[in-house]
Amino acid sequence: MDSSSQINNLNQQQLDILKLFSRELEPKDLIEIKRLIVKYLAEKVTKAADEIWDKNNWTDEDMERLLNTHKRTSSNYTSES
């Protein structure tokens, strides 16, 4: 796939972000921008989790129960030497 067809596959938000980075950035600036994006996304996840928590009227005891609930299925994997 050539670069022109890759650009055509980008949505408008992705194109806007590329425009923001059309100039050369210092490595420390890029790191800071990445941190800002991660912080923003983490805040969104936290807000969504808080909304679910409130909607379900969960308590700290409920969280402990959820943390200690074993939901994984058993594996048939056995290591052979």
C-alpha atoms as a PDB file:
ATOM      1  CA  MET A   1       0.000   0.000   0.000  1.00  0.00           C
ATOM      2  CA  ASP A   2       1.506   3.330  -1.012  1.00  0.00           C
ATOM      3  CA  SER A   3       1.453   6.440   1.177  1.00  0.00           C
ATOM      4  CA  SER A   4      -1.284   8.214  -0.803  1.00  0.00           C
ATOM      5  CA  SER A   5      -3.745   5.360  -0.298  1.00  0.00           C
ATOM      6  CA  GLN A   6      -2.818   5.218   3.404  1.00  0.00           C
ATOM      7  CA  ILE A   7      -3.633   8.922   3.756  1.00  0.00           C
ATOM      8  CA  ASN A   8      -6.965   8.365   2.025  1.00  0.00           C
ATOM      9  CA  ASN A   9      -7.814   5.795   4.722  1.00  0.00           C
ATOM     10  CA  LEU A  10      -7.382   8.316   7.543  1.00  0.00           C
ATOM     11  CA  ASN A  11     -10.419   9.903   9.146  1.00  0.00           C
ATOM     12  CA  GLN A  12     -10.758  13.644   9.685  1.00  0.00           C
ATOM     13  CA  GLN A  13      -9.534  13.510  13.295  1.00  0.00           C
ATOM     14  CA  GLN A  14      -6.400  11.660  12.256  1.00  0.00           C
ATOM     15  CA  LEU A  15      -5.743  14.195   9.504  1.00  0.00           C
ATOM     16  CA  ASP A  16      -6.171  17.058  11.994  1.00  0.00           C
ATOM     17  CA  ILE A  17      -3.627  15.482  14.332  1.00  0.00           C
ATOM     18  CA  LEU A  18      -1.166  15.061  11.451  1.00  0.00           C
ATOM     19  CA  LYS A  19      -1.543  18.763  10.673  1.00  0.00           C
ATOM     20  CA  LEU A  20      -0.648  19.575  14.270  1.00  0.00           C
ATOM     21  CA  PHE A  21       2.588  17.640  13.859  1.00  0.00           C
ATOM     22  CA  SER A  22       3.532  19.074  10.476  1.00  0.00           C
ATOM     23  CA  ARG A  23       6.519  20.800  12.061  1.00  0.00           C
ATOM     24  CA  GLU A  24       9.531  19.115  13.625  1.00  0.00           C
ATOM     25  CA  LEU A  25       9.122  18.552  17.368  1.00  0.00           C
ATOM     26  CA  GLU A  26      11.757  18.328  20.019  1.00  0.00           C
ATOM     27  CA  PRO A  27      11.840  14.831  21.540  1.00  0.00           C
ATOM     28  CA  LYS A  28      10.879  16.243  24.968  1.00  0.00           C
ATOM     29  CA  ASP A  29       7.857  17.983  23.398  1.00  0.00           C
ATOM     30  CA  LEU A  30       6.701  14.744  21.793  1.00  0.00           C
ATOM     31  CA  ILE A  31       7.015  12.948  25.123  1.00  0.00           C
ATOM     32  CA  GLU A  32       4.972  15.659  26.832  1.00  0.00           C
ATOM     33  CA  ILE A  33       2.260  15.477  24.159  1.00  0.00           C
ATOM     34  CA  LYS A  34       2.096  11.697  24.577  1.00  0.00           C
ATOM     35  CA  ARG A  35       1.744  12.172  28.335  1.00  0.00           C
ATOM     36  CA  LEU A  36      -1.095  14.636  27.825  1.00  0.00           C
ATOM     37  CA  ILE A  37      -2.919  12.225  25.540  1.00  0.00           C
ATOM     38  CA  VAL A  38      -2.465   9.326  27.972  1.00  0.00           C
ATOM     39  CA  LYS A  39      -3.656  11.505  30.869  1.00  0.00           C
ATOM     40  CA  TYR A  40      -6.721  12.593  28.885  1.00  0.00           C
ATOM     41  CA  LEU A  41      -7.636   9.013  27.962  1.00  0.00           C
ATOM     42  CA  ALA A  42      -7.048   7.803  31.532  1.00  0.00           C
ATOM     43  CA  GLU A  43      -9.395  10.496  32.828  1.00  0.00           C
ATOM     44  CA  LYS A  44     -12.063   9.375  30.340  1.00  0.00           C
ATOM     45  CA  VAL A  45     -11.727   5.752  31.470  1.00  0.00           C
ATOM     46  CA  THR A  46     -11.871   6.782  35.125  1.00  0.00           C
ATOM     47  CA  LYS A  47     -15.000   8.856  34.505  1.00  0.00           C
ATOM     48  CA  ALA A  48     -16.675   5.955  32.689  1.00  0.00           C
ATOM     49  CA  ALA A  49     -15.760   3.566  35.523  1.00  0.00           C
ATOM     50  CA  ASP A  50     -17.104   6.031  38.101  1.00  0.00           C
ATOM     51  CA  GLU A  51     -20.380   6.295  36.193  1.00  0.00           C
ATOM     52  CA  ILE A  52     -20.734   2.493  36.130  1.00  0.00           C
ATOM     53  CA  TRP A  53     -19.858   2.362  39.845  1.00  0.00           C
ATOM     54  CA  ASP A  54     -22.537   4.939  40.679  1.00  0.00           C
ATOM     55  CA  LYS A  55     -25.138   3.366  38.371  1.00  0.00           C
ATOM     56  CA  ASN A  56     -24.680  -0.004  40.108  1.00  0.00           C
ATOM     57  CA  ASN A  57     -24.480   1.515  43.619  1.00  0.00           C
ATOM     58  CA  TRP A  58     -21.322  -0.479  44.270  1.00  0.00           C
ATOM     59  CA  THR A  59     -19.508  -0.335  47.588  1.00  0.00           C
ATOM     60  CA  ASP A  60     -15.906  -1.029  48.562  1.00  0.00           C
ATOM     61  CA  GLU A  61     -17.052  -4.501  49.605  1.00  0.00           C
ATOM     62  CA  ASP A  62     -18.431  -5.092  46.105  1.00  0.00           C
ATOM     63  CA  MET A  63     -15.059  -4.102  44.658  1.00  0.00           C
ATOM     64  CA  GLU A  64     -13.243  -6.523  46.937  1.00  0.00           C
ATOM     65  CA  ARG A  65     -15.649  -9.282  45.864  1.00  0.00           C
ATOM     66  CA  LEU A  66     -15.066  -8.443  42.190  1.00  0.00           C
ATOM     67  CA  LEU A  67     -11.304  -8.411  42.671  1.00  0.00           C
ATOM     68  CA  ASN A  68     -11.380 -11.811  44.344  1.00  0.00           C
ATOM     69  CA  THR A  69     -13.799 -13.472  41.915  1.00  0.00           C
ATOM     70  CA  HIS A  70     -12.064 -16.048  39.768  1.00  0.00           C
ATOM     71  CA  LYS A  71     -13.501 -15.650  36.262  1.00  0.00           C
ATOM     72  CA  ARG A  72     -10.793 -17.299  34.220  1.00  0.00           C
ATOM     73  CA  THR A  73     -11.460 -20.669  32.663  1.00  0.00           C
ATOM     74  CA  SER A  74      -9.155 -23.521  33.364  1.00  0.00           C
ATOM     75  CA  SER A  75      -6.527 -24.230  30.783  1.00  0.00           C
ATOM     76  CA  ASN A  76      -5.763 -27.608  29.294  1.00  0.00           C
ATOM     77  CA  TYR A  77      -2.185 -26.454  28.780  1.00  0.00           C
ATOM     78  CA  THR A  78       0.445 -28.618  30.398  1.00  0.00           C
ATOM     79  CA  SER A  79       4.121 -27.919  30.166  1.00  0.00           C
ATOM     80  CA  GLU A  80       6.162 -30.815  28.945  1.00  0.00           C
ATOM     81  CA  SER A  81       9.906 -30.933  29.508  1.00  0.00           C
END
